Amino acid sequence: MTDLAGISGKQVVRAFTKIGYTVVRQKGSHVRLKHKDDPNRRPITIPLHKEIGVGLMYRFIRDAGITSEEFKKLL
């Protein structure tokens, strides 16, 4: 589980934009992403913290419908 530790919120946003997510809005330190082509993929709200918790990272990955290996390739 430590392979996804130490990733910042900005890195997560950048990775999800590579697979078709776009920034819809930002309120404070939270960025809302929505997939531009596939309405079946869930919207994701990412906090722009220095480090995202591992459990939260797995939730983002699950909501995006990708595997953790696919996510690691996007970083």
PDB file of N, CA and C in Angstrom:
ATOM      1  N   MET A   1       0.800  -1.193   0.000  1.00  0.00           N
ATOM      2  CA  MET A   1       0.000   0.000   0.000  1.00  0.00           C
ATOM      3  C   MET A   1       0.851   1.269   0.000  1.00  0.00           C
ATOM      4  N   THR A   2       2.103   1.168   0.330  1.00  0.00           N
ATOM      5  CA  THR A   2       2.944   2.349   0.405  1.00  0.00           C
ATOM      6  C   THR A   2       3.367   2.858  -0.965  1.00  0.00           C
ATOM      7  N   ASP A   3       3.066   2.121  -2.033  1.00  0.00           N
ATOM      8  CA  ASP A   3       3.474   2.559  -3.362  1.00  0.00           C
ATOM      9  C   ASP A   3       2.681   3.788  -3.824  1.00  0.00           C
ATOM     10  N   LEU A   4       1.553   4.090  -3.199  1.00  0.00           N
ATOM     11  CA  LEU A   4       0.768   5.274  -3.536  1.00  0.00           C
ATOM     12  C   LEU A   4       0.904   6.372  -2.483  1.00  0.00           C
ATOM     13  N   ALA A   5       1.828   6.220  -1.568  1.00  0.00           N
ATOM     14  CA  ALA A   5       2.016   7.212  -0.512  1.00  0.00           C
ATOM     15  C   ALA A   5       2.876   8.363  -1.022  1.00  0.00           C
ATOM     16  N   GLY A   6       2.647   9.536  -0.479  1.00  0.00           N
ATOM     17  CA  GLY A   6       3.480  10.687  -0.810  1.00  0.00           C
ATOM     18  C   GLY A   6       3.106  11.405  -2.084  1.00  0.00           C
ATOM     19  N   ILE A   7       1.913  11.176  -2.610  1.00  0.00           N
ATOM     20  CA  ILE A   7       1.487  11.828  -3.841  1.00  0.00           C
ATOM     21  C   ILE A   7       0.677  13.071  -3.467  1.00  0.00           C
ATOM     22  N   SER A   8       0.979  14.180  -4.093  1.00  0.00           N
ATOM     23  CA  SER A   8       0.279  15.424  -3.773  1.00  0.00           C
ATOM     24  C   SER A   8      -1.028  15.530  -4.557  1.00  0.00           C
ATOM     25  N   GLY A   9      -1.876  16.443  -4.133  1.00  0.00           N
ATOM     26  CA  GLY A   9      -3.145  16.668  -4.815  1.00  0.00           C
ATOM     27  C   GLY A   9      -2.955  17.168  -6.231  1.00  0.00           C
ATOM     28  N   LYS A  10      -1.955  18.018  -6.442  1.00  0.00           N
ATOM     29  CA  LYS A  10      -1.684  18.531  -7.786  1.00  0.00           C
ATOM     30  C   LYS A  10      -1.269  17.410  -8.735  1.00  0.00           C
ATOM     31  N   GLN A  11      -0.485  16.450  -8.217  1.00  0.00           N
ATOM     32  CA  GLN A  11      -0.073  15.314  -9.050  1.00  0.00           C
ATOM     33  C   GLN A  11      -1.277  14.453  -9.419  1.00  0.00           C
ATOM     34  N   VAL A  12      -2.207  14.291  -8.495  1.00  0.00           N
ATOM     35  CA  VAL A  12      -3.410  13.494  -8.759  1.00  0.00           C
ATOM     36  C   VAL A  12      -4.265  14.172  -9.826  1.00  0.00           C
ATOM     37  N   VAL A  13      -4.453  15.480  -9.721  1.00  0.00           N
ATOM     38  CA  VAL A  13      -5.233  16.210 -10.719  1.00  0.00           C
ATOM     39  C   VAL A  13      -4.580  16.075 -12.090  1.00  0.00           C
ATOM     40  N   ARG A  14      -3.270  16.243 -12.157  1.00  0.00           N
ATOM     41  CA  ARG A  14      -2.544  16.127 -13.420  1.00  0.00           C
ATOM     42  C   ARG A  14      -2.691  14.732 -14.026  1.00  0.00           C
ATOM     43  N   ALA A  15      -2.655  13.697 -13.193  1.00  0.00           N
ATOM     44  CA  ALA A  15      -2.777  12.328 -13.685  1.00  0.00           C
ATOM     45  C   ALA A  15      -4.172  12.068 -14.252  1.00  0.00           C
ATOM     46  N   PHE A  16      -5.207  12.542 -13.567  1.00  0.00           N
ATOM     47  CA  PHE A  16      -6.568  12.288 -14.042  1.00  0.00           C
ATOM     48  C   PHE A  16      -6.911  13.108 -15.283  1.00  0.00           C
ATOM     49  N   THR A  17      -6.274  14.249 -15.478  1.00  0.00           N
ATOM     50  CA  THR A  17      -6.521  14.998 -16.714  1.00  0.00           C
ATOM     51  C   THR A  17      -5.955  14.260 -17.924  1.00  0.00           C
ATOM     52  N   LYS A  18      -4.977  13.411 -17.715  1.00  0.00           N
ATOM     53  CA  LYS A  18      -4.406  12.634 -18.820  1.00  0.00           C
ATOM     54  C   LYS A  18      -5.368  11.583 -19.352  1.00  0.00           C
ATOM     55  N   ILE A  19      -6.353  11.166 -18.532  1.00  0.00           N
ATOM     56  CA  ILE A  19      -7.293  10.141 -18.994  1.00  0.00           C
ATOM     57  C   ILE A  19      -8.667  10.731 -19.310  1.00  0.00           C
ATOM     58  N   GLY A  20      -8.743  12.041 -19.456  1.00  0.00           N
ATOM     59  CA  GLY A  20      -9.978  12.649 -19.929  1.00  0.00           C
ATOM     60  C   GLY A  20     -10.790  13.410 -18.905  1.00  0.00           C
ATOM     61  N   TYR A  21     -10.316  13.524 -17.685  1.00  0.00           N
ATOM     62  CA  TYR A  21     -11.025  14.328 -16.689  1.00  0.00           C
ATOM     63  C   TYR A  21     -10.663  15.797 -16.891  1.00  0.00           C
ATOM     64  N   THR A  22     -11.621  16.671 -16.637  1.00  0.00           N
ATOM     65  CA  THR A  22     -11.384  18.106 -16.711  1.00  0.00           C
ATOM     66  C   THR A  22     -11.804  18.756 -15.400  1.00  0.00           C
ATOM     67  N   VAL A  23     -11.188  19.883 -15.098  1.00  0.00           N
ATOM     68  CA  VAL A  23     -11.520  20.619 -13.884  1.00  0.00           C
ATOM     69  C   VAL A  23     -12.830  21.363 -14.133  1.00  0.00           C
ATOM     70  N   VAL A  24     -13.828  21.078 -13.309  1.00  0.00           N
ATOM     71  CA  VAL A  24     -15.126  21.713 -13.432  1.00  0.00           C
ATOM     72  C   VAL A  24     -15.177  22.972 -12.578  1.00  0.00           C
ATOM     73  N   ARG A  25     -14.689  22.853 -11.338  1.00  0.00           N
ATOM     74  CA  ARG A  25     -14.688  24.003 -10.441  1.00  0.00           C
ATOM     75  C   ARG A  25     -13.695  23.768  -9.315  1.00  0.00           C
ATOM     76  N   GLN A  26     -13.407  24.834  -8.587  1.00  0.00           N
ATOM     77  CA  GLN A  26     -12.555  24.745  -7.412  1.00  0.00           C
ATOM     78  C   GLN A  26     -13.150  25.620  -6.328  1.00  0.00           C
ATOM     79  N   LYS A  27     -13.239  25.076  -5.131  1.00  0.00           N
ATOM     80  CA  LYS A  27     -13.724  25.833  -3.983  1.00  0.00           C
ATOM     81  C   LYS A  27     -12.714  25.634  -2.863  1.00  0.00           C
ATOM     82  N   GLY A  28     -11.984  26.683  -2.563  1.00  0.00           N
ATOM     83  CA  GLY A  28     -10.946  26.572  -1.549  1.00  0.00           C
ATOM     84  C   GLY A  28      -9.826  25.683  -2.035  1.00  0.00           C
ATOM     85  N   SER A  29      -9.512  24.667  -1.246  1.00  0.00           N
ATOM     86  CA  SER A  29      -8.415  23.773  -1.610  1.00  0.00           C
ATOM     87  C   SER A  29      -8.907  22.481  -2.256  1.00  0.00           C
ATOM     88  N   HIS A  30     -10.163  22.425  -2.688  1.00  0.00           N
ATOM     89  CA  HIS A  30     -10.713  21.220  -3.296  1.00  0.00           C
ATOM     90  C   HIS A  30     -11.062  21.477  -4.763  1.00  0.00           C
ATOM     91  N   VAL A  31     -10.614  20.564  -5.616  1.00  0.00           N
ATOM     92  CA  VAL A  31     -10.842  20.660  -7.055  1.00  0.00           C
ATOM     93  C   VAL A  31     -11.814  19.566  -7.463  1.00  0.00           C
ATOM     94  N   ARG A  32     -12.829  19.933  -8.223  1.00  0.00           N
ATOM     95  CA  ARG A  32     -13.831  18.968  -8.702  1.00  0.00           C
ATOM     96  C   ARG A  32     -13.509  18.623 -10.147  1.00  0.00           C
ATOM     97  N   LEU A  33     -13.366  17.333 -10.432  1.00  0.00           N
ATOM     98  CA  LEU A  33     -13.074  16.847 -11.780  1.00  0.00           C
ATOM     99  C   LEU A  33     -14.249  16.045 -12.304  1.00  0.00           C
ATOM    100  N   LYS A  34     -14.484  16.154 -13.600  1.00  0.00           N
ATOM    101  CA  LYS A  34     -15.541  15.382 -14.250  1.00  0.00           C
ATOM    102  C   LYS A  34     -14.997  14.882 -15.571  1.00  0.00           C
ATOM    103  N   HIS A  35     -15.360  13.648 -15.935  1.00  0.00           N
ATOM    104  CA  HIS A  35     -14.872  13.091 -17.198  1.00  0.00           C
ATOM    105  C   HIS A  35     -15.623  13.742 -18.346  1.00  0.00           C
ATOM    106  N   LYS A  36     -14.890  14.168 -19.366  1.00  0.00           N
ATOM    107  CA  LYS A  36     -15.519  14.929 -20.446  1.00  0.00           C
ATOM    108  C   LYS A  36     -16.270  14.063 -21.454  1.00  0.00           C
ATOM    109  N   ASP A  37     -15.924  12.779 -21.587  1.00  0.00           N
ATOM    110  CA  ASP A  37     -16.545  11.935 -22.603  1.00  0.00           C
ATOM    111  C   ASP A  37     -17.443  10.846 -22.039  1.00  0.00           C
ATOM    112  N   ASP A  38     -17.084  10.288 -20.904  1.00  0.00           N
ATOM    113  CA  ASP A  38     -17.780   9.126 -20.354  1.00  0.00           C
ATOM    114  C   ASP A  38     -18.604   9.529 -19.130  1.00  0.00           C
ATOM    115  N   PRO A  39     -19.928   9.649 -19.279  1.00  0.00           N
ATOM    116  CA  PRO A  39     -20.757  10.049 -18.130  1.00  0.00           C
ATOM    117  C   PRO A  39     -20.871   8.955 -17.063  1.00  0.00           C
ATOM    118  N   ASN A  40     -20.443   7.739 -17.371  1.00  0.00           N
ATOM    119  CA  ASN A  40     -20.505   6.647 -16.392  1.00  0.00           C
ATOM    120  C   ASN A  40     -19.385   6.735 -15.360  1.00  0.00           C
ATOM    121  N   ARG A  41     -18.342   7.485 -15.649  1.00  0.00           N
ATOM    122  CA  ARG A  41     -17.261   7.678 -14.669  1.00  0.00           C
ATOM    123  C   ARG A  41     -17.694   8.736 -13.672  1.00  0.00           C
ATOM    124  N   ARG A  42     -17.481   8.452 -12.401  1.00  0.00           N
ATOM    125  CA  ARG A  42     -17.924   9.343 -11.338  1.00  0.00           C
ATOM    126  C   ARG A  42     -17.089  10.616 -11.285  1.00  0.00           C
ATOM    127  N   PRO A  43     -17.725  11.727 -10.908  1.00  0.00           N
ATOM    128  CA  PRO A  43     -16.943  12.938 -10.644  1.00  0.00           C
ATOM    129  C   PRO A  43     -16.069  12.727  -9.408  1.00  0.00           C
ATOM    130  N   ILE A  44     -14.938  13.390  -9.374  1.00  0.00           N
ATOM    131  CA  ILE A  44     -13.978  13.201  -8.286  1.00  0.00           C
ATOM    132  C   ILE A  44     -13.644  14.573  -7.691  1.00  0.00           C
ATOM    133  N   THR A  45     -13.644  14.657  -6.366  1.00  0.00           N
ATOM    134  CA  THR A  45     -13.239  15.871  -5.669  1.00  0.00           C
ATOM    135  C   THR A  45     -11.911  15.599  -4.982  1.00  0.00           C
ATOM    136  N   ILE A  46     -10.887  16.339  -5.385  1.00  0.00           N
ATOM    137  CA  ILE A  46      -9.529  16.101  -4.897  1.00  0.00           C
ATOM    138  C   ILE A  46      -9.064  17.286  -4.057  1.00  0.00           C
ATOM    139  N   PRO A  47      -8.627  17.025  -2.818  1.00  0.00           N
ATOM    140  CA  PRO A  47      -8.061  18.119  -2.015  1.00  0.00           C
ATOM    141  C   PRO A  47      -6.624  18.404  -2.472  1.00  0.00           C
ATOM    142  N   LEU A  48      -6.265  19.644  -2.553  1.00  0.00           N
ATOM    143  CA  LEU A  48      -4.920  20.019  -2.992  1.00  0.00           C
ATOM    144  C   LEU A  48      -3.966  20.059  -1.802  1.00  0.00           C
ATOM    145  N   HIS A  49      -3.826  18.943  -1.143  1.00  0.00           N
ATOM    146  CA  HIS A  49      -2.927  18.826  -0.002  1.00  0.00           C
ATOM    147  C   HIS A  49      -1.551  18.398  -0.470  1.00  0.00           C
ATOM    148  N   LYS A  50      -0.560  18.565   0.407  1.00  0.00           N
ATOM    149  CA  LYS A  50       0.808  18.156   0.064  1.00  0.00           C
ATOM    150  C   LYS A  50       0.906  16.655  -0.114  1.00  0.00           C
ATOM    151  N   GLU A  51       0.115  15.910   0.642  1.00  0.00           N
ATOM    152  CA  GLU A  51       0.131  14.453   0.554  1.00  0.00           C
ATOM    153  C   GLU A  51      -1.283  13.924   0.745  1.00  0.00           C
ATOM    154  N   ILE A  52      -1.723  13.085  -0.194  1.00  0.00           N
ATOM    155  CA  ILE A  52      -3.045  12.470  -0.133  1.00  0.00           C
ATOM    156  C   ILE A  52      -2.902  11.116   0.564  1.00  0.00           C
ATOM    157  N   GLY A  53      -3.825  10.808   1.448  1.00  0.00           N
ATOM    158  CA  GLY A  53      -3.788   9.527   2.147  1.00  0.00           C
ATOM    159  C   GLY A  53      -3.980   8.358   1.189  1.00  0.00           C
ATOM    160  N   VAL A  54      -3.426   7.229   1.544  1.00  0.00           N
ATOM    161  CA  VAL A  54      -3.464   6.051   0.674  1.00  0.00           C
ATOM    162  C   VAL A  54      -4.903   5.565   0.471  1.00  0.00           C
ATOM    163  N   GLY A  55      -5.696   5.547   1.524  1.00  0.00           N
ATOM    164  CA  GLY A  55      -7.086   5.103   1.403  1.00  0.00           C
ATOM    165  C   GLY A  55      -7.888   5.994   0.478  1.00  0.00           C
ATOM    166  N   LEU A  56      -7.669   7.285   0.569  1.00  0.00           N
ATOM    167  CA  LEU A  56      -8.354   8.232  -0.304  1.00  0.00           C
ATOM    168  C   LEU A  56      -7.889   8.063  -1.745  1.00  0.00           C
ATOM    169  N   MET A  57      -6.616   7.773  -1.941  1.00  0.00           N
ATOM    170  CA  MET A  57      -6.100   7.540  -3.293  1.00  0.00           C
ATOM    171  C   MET A  57      -6.797   6.349  -3.941  1.00  0.00           C
ATOM    172  N   TYR A  58      -6.951   5.259  -3.174  1.00  0.00           N
ATOM    173  CA  TYR A  58      -7.624   4.086  -3.722  1.00  0.00           C
ATOM    174  C   TYR A  58      -9.089   4.392  -4.052  1.00  0.00           C
ATOM    175  N   ARG A  59      -9.703   5.277  -3.282  1.00  0.00           N
ATOM    176  CA  ARG A  59     -11.087   5.654  -3.582  1.00  0.00           C
ATOM    177  C   ARG A  59     -11.154   6.432  -4.890  1.00  0.00           C
ATOM    178  N   PHE A  60     -10.220   7.361  -5.100  1.00  0.00           N
ATOM    179  CA  PHE A  60     -10.178   8.103  -6.359  1.00  0.00           C
ATOM    180  C   PHE A  60      -9.997   7.153  -7.545  1.00  0.00           C
ATOM    181  N   ILE A  61      -9.097   6.202  -7.390  1.00  0.00           N
ATOM    182  CA  ILE A  61      -8.804   5.247  -8.459  1.00  0.00           C
ATOM    183  C   ILE A  61     -10.032   4.402  -8.766  1.00  0.00           C
ATOM    184  N   ARG A  62     -10.714   3.948  -7.730  1.00  0.00           N
ATOM    185  CA  ARG A  62     -11.932   3.140  -7.918  1.00  0.00           C
ATOM    186  C   ARG A  62     -13.016   3.965  -8.603  1.00  0.00           C
ATOM    187  N   ASP A  63     -13.211   5.203  -8.166  1.00  0.00           N
ATOM    188  CA  ASP A  63     -14.239   6.060  -8.758  1.00  0.00           C
ATOM    189  C   ASP A  63     -13.950   6.365 -10.226  1.00  0.00           C
ATOM    190  N   ALA A  64     -12.685   6.431 -10.598  1.00  0.00           N
ATOM    191  CA  ALA A  64     -12.311   6.698 -11.985  1.00  0.00           C
ATOM    192  C   ALA A  64     -12.437   5.456 -12.866  1.00  0.00           C
ATOM    193  N   GLY A  65     -12.568   4.291 -12.251  1.00  0.00           N
ATOM    194  CA  GLY A  65     -12.723   3.061 -13.025  1.00  0.00           C
ATOM    195  C   GLY A  65     -11.429   2.547 -13.621  1.00  0.00           C
ATOM    196  N   ILE A  66     -10.315   2.821 -12.958  1.00  0.00           N
ATOM    197  CA  ILE A  66      -9.023   2.317 -13.428  1.00  0.00           C
ATOM    198  C   ILE A  66      -8.380   1.498 -12.315  1.00  0.00           C
ATOM    199  N   THR A  67      -7.291   0.832 -12.642  1.00  0.00           N
ATOM    200  CA  THR A  67      -6.562   0.059 -11.636  1.00  0.00           C
ATOM    201  C   THR A  67      -5.424   0.907 -11.071  1.00  0.00           C
ATOM    202  N   SER A  68      -4.878   0.461  -9.961  1.00  0.00           N
ATOM    203  CA  SER A  68      -3.767   1.210  -9.358  1.00  0.00           C
ATOM    204  C   SER A  68      -2.533   1.178 -10.257  1.00  0.00           C
ATOM    205  N   GLU A  69      -2.345   0.098 -11.013  1.00  0.00           N
ATOM    206  CA  GLU A  69      -1.217   0.024 -11.942  1.00  0.00           C
ATOM    207  C   GLU A  69      -1.379   1.043 -13.067  1.00  0.00           C
ATOM    208  N   GLU A  70      -2.606   1.202 -13.579  1.00  0.00           N
ATOM    209  CA  GLU A  70      -2.848   2.192 -14.622  1.00  0.00           C
ATOM    210  C   GLU A  70      -2.604   3.597 -14.074  1.00  0.00           C
ATOM    211  N   PHE A  71      -3.005   3.830 -12.828  1.00  0.00           N
ATOM    212  CA  PHE A  71      -2.802   5.149 -12.226  1.00  0.00           C
ATOM    213  C   PHE A  71      -1.313   5.442 -12.069  1.00  0.00           C
ATOM    214  N   LYS A  72      -0.530   4.460 -11.651  1.00  0.00           N
ATOM    215  CA  LYS A  72       0.915   4.671 -11.465  1.00  0.00           C
ATOM    216  C   LYS A  72       1.592   5.052 -12.774  1.00  0.00           C
ATOM    217  N   LYS A  73       1.092   4.514 -13.891  1.00  0.00           N
ATOM    218  CA  LYS A  73       1.658   4.859 -15.195  1.00  0.00           C
ATOM    219  C   LYS A  73       1.364   6.305 -15.581  1.00  0.00           C
ATOM    220  N   LEU A  74       0.280   6.863 -15.037  1.00  0.00           N
ATOM    221  CA  LEU A  74      -0.096   8.240 -15.358  1.00  0.00           C
ATOM    222  C   LEU A  74       0.749   9.264 -14.627  1.00  0.00           C
ATOM    223  N   LEU A  75       1.416   8.851 -13.529  1.00  0.00           N
ATOM    224  CA  LEU A  75       2.196   9.798 -12.725  1.00  0.00           C
ATOM    225  C   LEU A  75       3.463  10.218 -13.389  1.00  0.00           C
TER     226      LEU A  75
END
